[in-house]
Amino acid sequence: MIGSFEILYIALAFLVPGFIIDFCLKLFIPQRETSDSNRNILYYLCWSSINYGLWSWLLYLMFKWGYFIDHPVRTAVAGVVIVFISPFFVSLVVLICYKKGFPQMISRFLGLNIEHPAPTAWDYRFNSIKEKKWVIVEFDDGSRVGGKWDDKSCVSSIKGERDIYLEKVYKISPDDDQWETDPRNDGMWIKGSAIKLIQFINMKNEEEEKK
């Protein structure tokens, strides 16, 4: 008869690693939202299976030689590493592969068209920015404002709240040649529903920054 402690242990062993991996990935990779708890549990179980698969050789040797009986403390330490620490490294490897575009490269090589994990192009674009950029925001009424996207800028990834904060903004001349800023300017919050389009412009070097 399985007691409450055994049930808790099984849940901890098979769900926690997957939960940690899924949580870490969602911090850096925007994903499609789902309210299906059963589906989330399946995600956790799949990630946990991958995590245990990487350590299957060690688990096999420990059970084969009865190591966990003779060395309970070391076994407990190994369990903590496998359940709580290893998932962070697994999520790091998955994140690096995602940032390098390996899934897309493999899908193109195999001639497959996989669903992108990012729910919208908004999430994908802002999540993929790796360096500071100039941006031109055009509003529904046709007016425009220039801005600097850098470390202090922020964009919302919450569904229905696609707002943006630019740490520095500029007035743009009609021919885009002159960008003027107010020295008192401390950034601008822009409501997402007011934005018509956003144009991104690469910064070639520091000397080209707008004064």
C-alpha atoms as a PDB file:
ATOM      1  CA  MET A   1       0.000   0.000   0.000  1.00  0.00           C
ATOM      2  CA  ILE A   2       1.465   3.313  -1.048  1.00  0.00           C
ATOM      3  CA  GLY A   3       1.387   5.901   1.715  1.00  0.00           C
ATOM      4  CA  SER A   4       1.134   9.661   1.531  1.00  0.00           C
ATOM      5  CA  PHE A   5       4.911  10.037   1.881  1.00  0.00           C
ATOM      6  CA  GLU A   6       5.557   7.730  -1.058  1.00  0.00           C
ATOM      7  CA  ILE A   7       3.038   9.655  -3.176  1.00  0.00           C
ATOM      8  CA  LEU A   8       4.731  12.923  -2.265  1.00  0.00           C
ATOM      9  CA  TYR A   9       8.137  11.468  -3.098  1.00  0.00           C
ATOM     10  CA  ILE A  10       6.959  10.178  -6.481  1.00  0.00           C
ATOM     11  CA  ALA A  11       5.392  13.545  -7.339  1.00  0.00           C
ATOM     12  CA  LEU A  12       8.576  15.312  -6.290  1.00  0.00           C
ATOM     13  CA  ALA A  13      10.782  13.000  -8.296  1.00  0.00           C
ATOM     14  CA  PHE A  14       8.785  13.026 -11.527  1.00  0.00           C
ATOM     15  CA  LEU A  15       7.288  16.528 -11.661  1.00  0.00           C
ATOM     16  CA  VAL A  16       9.778  18.890 -10.008  1.00  0.00           C
ATOM     17  CA  PRO A  17      12.624  18.518 -12.571  1.00  0.00           C
ATOM     18  CA  GLY A  18      10.216  19.139 -15.438  1.00  0.00           C
ATOM     19  CA  PHE A  19       8.638  22.084 -13.628  1.00  0.00           C
ATOM     20  CA  ILE A  20      12.058  23.680 -13.065  1.00  0.00           C
ATOM     21  CA  ILE A  21      13.032  23.245 -16.719  1.00  0.00           C
ATOM     22  CA  ASP A  22       9.705  24.590 -17.974  1.00  0.00           C
ATOM     23  CA  PHE A  23       9.844  27.551 -15.556  1.00  0.00           C
ATOM     24  CA  CYS A  24      13.388  28.510 -16.601  1.00  0.00           C
ATOM     25  CA  LEU A  25      12.550  28.307 -20.307  1.00  0.00           C
ATOM     26  CA  LYS A  26       9.471  30.491 -19.905  1.00  0.00           C
ATOM     27  CA  LEU A  27      11.619  33.212 -18.346  1.00  0.00           C
ATOM     28  CA  PHE A  28      13.547  33.612 -21.597  1.00  0.00           C
ATOM     29  CA  ILE A  29      11.391  32.065 -24.329  1.00  0.00           C
ATOM     30  CA  PRO A  30       7.849  33.397 -24.813  1.00  0.00           C
ATOM     31  CA  GLN A  31       5.451  30.487 -25.153  1.00  0.00           C
ATOM     32  CA  ARG A  32       1.833  29.968 -26.023  1.00  0.00           C
ATOM     33  CA  GLU A  33      -0.389  30.094 -22.979  1.00  0.00           C
ATOM     34  CA  THR A  34      -2.466  27.097 -22.018  1.00  0.00           C
ATOM     35  CA  SER A  35      -4.999  26.673 -19.237  1.00  0.00           C
ATOM     36  CA  ASP A  36      -5.038  22.886 -19.552  1.00  0.00           C
ATOM     37  CA  SER A  37      -3.441  21.629 -16.324  1.00  0.00           C
ATOM     38  CA  ASN A  38      -3.212  18.086 -17.690  1.00  0.00           C
ATOM     39  CA  ARG A  39      -1.177  19.353 -20.629  1.00  0.00           C
ATOM     40  CA  ASN A  40       1.164  21.220 -18.293  1.00  0.00           C
ATOM     41  CA  ILE A  41       1.679  18.058 -16.257  1.00  0.00           C
ATOM     42  CA  LEU A  42       2.576  16.191 -19.452  1.00  0.00           C
ATOM     43  CA  TYR A  43       5.141  18.881 -20.239  1.00  0.00           C
ATOM     44  CA  TYR A  44       6.673  18.437 -16.796  1.00  0.00           C
ATOM     45  CA  LEU A  45       6.772  14.664 -17.188  1.00  0.00           C
ATOM     46  CA  CYS A  46       8.409  14.916 -20.631  1.00  0.00           C
ATOM     47  CA  TRP A  47      11.103  17.285 -19.414  1.00  0.00           C
ATOM     48  CA  SER A  48      11.649  15.152 -16.313  1.00  0.00           C
ATOM     49  CA  SER A  49      12.078  12.088 -18.523  1.00  0.00           C
ATOM     50  CA  ILE A  50      14.755  13.885 -20.545  1.00  0.00           C
ATOM     51  CA  ASN A  51      16.513  14.935 -17.351  1.00  0.00           C
ATOM     52  CA  TYR A  52      16.478  11.391 -15.975  1.00  0.00           C
ATOM     53  CA  GLY A  53      17.552  10.023 -19.334  1.00  0.00           C
ATOM     54  CA  LEU A  54      20.771  12.019 -19.052  1.00  0.00           C
ATOM     55  CA  TRP A  55      21.426  10.457 -15.650  1.00  0.00           C
ATOM     56  CA  SER A  56      20.169   6.959 -16.476  1.00  0.00           C
ATOM     57  CA  TRP A  57      23.694   5.524 -16.553  1.00  0.00           C
ATOM     58  CA  LEU A  58      24.381   6.708 -13.001  1.00  0.00           C
ATOM     59  CA  LEU A  59      21.017   5.538 -11.671  1.00  0.00           C
ATOM     60  CA  TYR A  60      21.574   2.127 -13.269  1.00  0.00           C
ATOM     61  CA  LEU A  61      24.986   1.714 -11.643  1.00  0.00           C
ATOM     62  CA  MET A  62      23.710   2.860  -8.241  1.00  0.00           C
ATOM     63  CA  PHE A  63      20.906   0.285  -8.244  1.00  0.00           C
ATOM     64  CA  LYS A  64      23.046  -2.461  -9.752  1.00  0.00           C
ATOM     65  CA  TRP A  65      25.751  -2.176  -7.117  1.00  0.00           C
ATOM     66  CA  GLY A  66      23.408  -1.351  -4.247  1.00  0.00           C
ATOM     67  CA  TYR A  67      25.245   1.920  -3.753  1.00  0.00           C
ATOM     68  CA  PHE A  68      22.190   3.687  -2.330  1.00  0.00           C
ATOM     69  CA  ILE A  69      22.044   1.177   0.554  1.00  0.00           C
ATOM     70  CA  ASP A  70      25.695   1.476   1.602  1.00  0.00           C
ATOM     71  CA  HIS A  71      25.981   5.249   1.073  1.00  0.00           C
ATOM     72  CA  PRO A  72      22.647   6.901   1.953  1.00  0.00           C
ATOM     73  CA  VAL A  73      24.113  10.400   2.439  1.00  0.00           C
ATOM     74  CA  ARG A  74      25.892  10.422  -0.922  1.00  0.00           C
ATOM     75  CA  THR A  75      22.777   9.028  -2.536  1.00  0.00           C
ATOM     76  CA  ALA A  76      20.726  11.858  -1.041  1.00  0.00           C
ATOM     77  CA  VAL A  77      23.201  14.406  -2.390  1.00  0.00           C
ATOM     78  CA  ALA A  78      23.061  12.788  -5.819  1.00  0.00           C
ATOM     79  CA  GLY A  79      19.262  12.913  -5.662  1.00  0.00           C
ATOM     80  CA  VAL A  80      19.322  16.643  -4.903  1.00  0.00           C
ATOM     81  CA  VAL A  81      21.678  17.226  -7.830  1.00  0.00           C
ATOM     82  CA  ILE A  82      19.541  15.211 -10.247  1.00  0.00           C
ATOM     83  CA  VAL A  83      16.166  16.581  -9.137  1.00  0.00           C
ATOM     84  CA  PHE A  84      16.952  20.225  -8.369  1.00  0.00           C
ATOM     85  CA  ILE A  85      20.275  21.251  -9.940  1.00  0.00           C
ATOM     86  CA  SER A  86      20.499  19.282 -13.158  1.00  0.00           C
ATOM     87  CA  PRO A  87      17.262  20.807 -14.591  1.00  0.00           C
ATOM     88  CA  PHE A  88      18.876  24.268 -14.581  1.00  0.00           C
ATOM     89  CA  PHE A  89      21.671  23.023 -16.824  1.00  0.00           C
ATOM     90  CA  VAL A  90      19.225  21.173 -19.070  1.00  0.00           C
ATOM     91  CA  SER A  91      17.187  24.366 -19.520  1.00  0.00           C
ATOM     92  CA  LEU A  92      20.404  26.286 -20.237  1.00  0.00           C
ATOM     93  CA  VAL A  93      21.362  23.877 -23.027  1.00  0.00           C
ATOM     94  CA  VAL A  94      17.852  24.019 -24.499  1.00  0.00           C
ATOM     95  CA  LEU A  95      17.904  27.824 -24.311  1.00  0.00           C
ATOM     96  CA  ILE A  96      21.254  28.028 -26.117  1.00  0.00           C
ATOM     97  CA  CYS A  97      20.001  25.692 -28.852  1.00  0.00           C
ATOM     98  CA  TYR A  98      16.878  27.831 -29.236  1.00  0.00           C
ATOM     99  CA  LYS A  99      18.853  31.081 -29.426  1.00  0.00           C
ATOM    100  CA  LYS A 100      21.190  29.570 -32.029  1.00  0.00           C
ATOM    101  CA  GLY A 101      18.189  28.531 -34.136  1.00  0.00           C
ATOM    102  CA  PHE A 102      18.994  24.802 -34.102  1.00  0.00           C
ATOM    103  CA  PRO A 103      15.323  23.652 -34.111  1.00  0.00           C
ATOM    104  CA  GLN A 104      14.602  25.789 -37.185  1.00  0.00           C
ATOM    105  CA  MET A 105      17.772  24.565 -38.917  1.00  0.00           C
ATOM    106  CA  ILE A 106      16.823  20.930 -38.308  1.00  0.00           C
ATOM    107  CA  SER A 107      13.235  21.485 -39.462  1.00  0.00           C
ATOM    108  CA  ARG A 108      14.413  23.136 -42.693  1.00  0.00           C
ATOM    109  CA  PHE A 109      16.890  20.309 -43.301  1.00  0.00           C
ATOM    110  CA  LEU A 110      14.114  17.736 -42.867  1.00  0.00           C
ATOM    111  CA  GLY A 111      11.657  19.794 -44.902  1.00  0.00           C
ATOM    112  CA  LEU A 112       9.298  20.215 -41.956  1.00  0.00           C
ATOM    113  CA  ASN A 113       7.280  23.236 -40.902  1.00  0.00           C
ATOM    114  CA  ILE A 114       7.139  23.212 -37.110  1.00  0.00           C
ATOM    115  CA  GLU A 115       4.999  25.545 -35.047  1.00  0.00           C
ATOM    116  CA  HIS A 116       7.016  28.395 -33.579  1.00  0.00           C
ATOM    117  CA  PRO A 117       6.875  28.469 -29.768  1.00  0.00           C
ATOM    118  CA  ALA A 118       6.534  32.275 -29.652  1.00  0.00           C
ATOM    119  CA  PRO A 119       2.819  33.150 -29.574  1.00  0.00           C
ATOM    120  CA  THR A 120       3.195  36.378 -31.608  1.00  0.00           C
ATOM    121  CA  ALA A 121       5.744  38.154 -33.796  1.00  0.00           C
ATOM    122  CA  TRP A 122       5.814  40.852 -31.081  1.00  0.00           C
ATOM    123  CA  ASP A 123       7.135  38.354 -28.510  1.00  0.00           C
ATOM    124  CA  TYR A 124       9.583  36.828 -30.979  1.00  0.00           C
ATOM    125  CA  ARG A 125      11.093  40.116 -32.138  1.00  0.00           C
ATOM    126  CA  PHE A 126      11.601  41.732 -28.773  1.00  0.00           C
ATOM    127  CA  ASN A 127      12.829  38.489 -27.239  1.00  0.00           C
ATOM    128  CA  SER A 128      15.477  38.124 -29.963  1.00  0.00           C
ATOM    129  CA  ILE A 129      17.007  41.617 -29.591  1.00  0.00           C
ATOM    130  CA  LYS A 130      20.583  41.150 -28.403  1.00  0.00           C
ATOM    131  CA  GLU A 131      21.959  44.682 -28.739  1.00  0.00           C
ATOM    132  CA  LYS A 132      20.747  48.244 -28.494  1.00  0.00           C
ATOM    133  CA  LYS A 133      18.819  49.639 -31.429  1.00  0.00           C
ATOM    134  CA  TRP A 134      17.123  52.754 -32.675  1.00  0.00           C
ATOM    135  CA  VAL A 135      13.387  52.400 -33.163  1.00  0.00           C
ATOM    136  CA  ILE A 136      10.798  54.519 -34.934  1.00  0.00           C
ATOM    137  CA  VAL A 137       7.293  54.148 -33.544  1.00  0.00           C
ATOM    138  CA  GLU A 138       4.419  55.251 -35.765  1.00  0.00           C
ATOM    139  CA  PHE A 139       1.016  55.806 -34.199  1.00  0.00           C
ATOM    140  CA  ASP A 140      -2.468  55.330 -35.622  1.00  0.00           C
ATOM    141  CA  ASP A 141      -2.836  59.071 -36.254  1.00  0.00           C
ATOM    142  CA  GLY A 142       0.312  59.118 -38.432  1.00  0.00           C
ATOM    143  CA  SER A 143       2.591  60.828 -35.888  1.00  0.00           C
ATOM    144  CA  ARG A 144       5.970  59.305 -35.154  1.00  0.00           C
ATOM    145  CA  VAL A 145       8.553  59.277 -32.415  1.00  0.00           C
ATOM    146  CA  GLY A 146      12.132  57.990 -32.401  1.00  0.00           C
ATOM    147  CA  GLY A 147      13.498  56.019 -29.519  1.00  0.00           C
ATOM    148  CA  LYS A 148      16.484  54.194 -28.104  1.00  0.00           C
ATOM    149  CA  TRP A 149      16.042  50.552 -27.150  1.00  0.00           C
ATOM    150  CA  ASP A 150      18.626  49.479 -24.591  1.00  0.00           C
ATOM    151  CA  ASP A 151      18.955  47.778 -21.226  1.00  0.00           C
ATOM    152  CA  LYS A 152      16.604  50.196 -19.446  1.00  0.00           C
ATOM    153  CA  SER A 153      13.831  49.785 -22.016  1.00  0.00           C
ATOM    154  CA  CYS A 154      11.016  47.325 -21.425  1.00  0.00           C
ATOM    155  CA  VAL A 155       8.270  45.628 -23.380  1.00  0.00           C
ATOM    156  CA  SER A 156       5.257  43.703 -22.126  1.00  0.00           C
ATOM    157  CA  SER A 157       4.795  40.041 -22.999  1.00  0.00           C
ATOM    158  CA  ILE A 158       1.409  39.722 -21.307  1.00  0.00           C
ATOM    159  CA  LYS A 159      -1.459  38.927 -23.654  1.00  0.00           C
ATOM    160  CA  GLY A 160      -3.639  41.989 -24.198  1.00  0.00           C
ATOM    161  CA  GLU A 161      -1.073  44.427 -22.763  1.00  0.00           C
ATOM    162  CA  ARG A 162       1.391  45.010 -25.592  1.00  0.00           C
ATOM    163  CA  ASP A 163       2.816  48.239 -24.219  1.00  0.00           C
ATOM    164  CA  ILE A 164       6.412  49.428 -24.466  1.00  0.00           C
ATOM    165  CA  TYR A 165       8.742  51.717 -22.545  1.00  0.00           C
ATOM    166  CA  LEU A 166      11.596  53.462 -24.378  1.00  0.00           C
ATOM    167  CA  GLU A 167      14.325  54.793 -22.130  1.00  0.00           C
ATOM    168  CA  LYS A 168      15.014  57.734 -24.471  1.00  0.00           C
ATOM    169  CA  VAL A 169      12.840  59.357 -27.139  1.00  0.00           C
ATOM    170  CA  TYR A 170      13.440  61.864 -29.935  1.00  0.00           C
ATOM    171  CA  LYS A 171      11.478  64.167 -32.196  1.00  0.00           C
ATOM    172  CA  ILE A 172      12.011  63.153 -35.811  1.00  0.00           C
ATOM    173  CA  SER A 173      12.176  65.550 -38.739  1.00  0.00           C
ATOM    174  CA  PRO A 174       9.994  64.721 -41.778  1.00  0.00           C
ATOM    175  CA  ASP A 175      13.018  63.494 -43.758  1.00  0.00           C
ATOM    176  CA  ASP A 176      14.366  61.424 -40.809  1.00  0.00           C
ATOM    177  CA  ASP A 177      17.679  63.322 -40.907  1.00  0.00           C
ATOM    178  CA  GLN A 178      17.342  65.110 -37.589  1.00  0.00           C
ATOM    179  CA  TRP A 179      16.558  63.517 -34.257  1.00  0.00           C
ATOM    180  CA  GLU A 180      16.116  65.996 -31.409  1.00  0.00           C
ATOM    181  CA  THR A 181      15.713  65.224 -27.732  1.00  0.00           C
ATOM    182  CA  ASP A 182      14.838  67.162 -24.620  1.00  0.00           C
ATOM    183  CA  PRO A 183      17.624  66.953 -21.967  1.00  0.00           C
ATOM    184  CA  ARG A 184      14.884  66.552 -19.343  1.00  0.00           C
ATOM    185  CA  ASN A 185      13.443  63.559 -21.155  1.00  0.00           C
ATOM    186  CA  ASP A 186      13.319  60.412 -19.024  1.00  0.00           C
ATOM    187  CA  GLY A 187      11.800  57.984 -21.486  1.00  0.00           C
ATOM    188  CA  MET A 188       8.276  57.315 -22.697  1.00  0.00           C
ATOM    189  CA  TRP A 189       5.615  54.717 -22.022  1.00  0.00           C
ATOM    190  CA  ILE A 190       3.606  53.858 -25.139  1.00  0.00           C
ATOM    191  CA  LYS A 191       0.280  52.071 -25.081  1.00  0.00           C
ATOM    192  CA  GLY A 192       0.243  49.080 -27.394  1.00  0.00           C
ATOM    193  CA  SER A 193      -3.175  49.797 -28.885  1.00  0.00           C
ATOM    194  CA  ALA A 194      -1.921  53.188 -30.127  1.00  0.00           C
ATOM    195  CA  ILE A 195       0.988  51.707 -32.107  1.00  0.00           C
ATOM    196  CA  LYS A 196       0.609  51.215 -35.853  1.00  0.00           C
ATOM    197  CA  LEU A 197       4.116  49.939 -36.565  1.00  0.00           C
ATOM    198  CA  ILE A 198       7.629  49.817 -35.109  1.00  0.00           C
ATOM    199  CA  GLN A 199      10.730  50.093 -37.263  1.00  0.00           C
ATOM    200  CA  PHE A 200      14.050  48.775 -35.931  1.00  0.00           C
ATOM    201  CA  ILE A 201      17.360  50.358 -36.948  1.00  0.00           C
ATOM    202  CA  ASN A 202      20.753  48.840 -36.173  1.00  0.00           C
ATOM    203  CA  MET A 203      23.384  50.884 -34.331  1.00  0.00           C
ATOM    204  CA  LYS A 204      26.714  50.468 -36.098  1.00  0.00           C
ATOM    205  CA  ASN A 205      28.850  51.954 -33.359  1.00  0.00           C
ATOM    206  CA  GLU A 206      28.753  54.263 -30.377  1.00  0.00           C
ATOM    207  CA  GLU A 207      29.818  57.311 -32.407  1.00  0.00           C
ATOM    208  CA  GLU A 208      26.573  57.163 -34.374  1.00  0.00           C
ATOM    209  CA  GLU A 209      24.374  57.609 -31.318  1.00  0.00           C
ATOM    210  CA  LYS A 210      21.924  60.463 -31.450  1.00  0.00           C
ATOM    211  CA  LYS A 211      22.925  63.305 -29.166  1.00  0.00           C
END
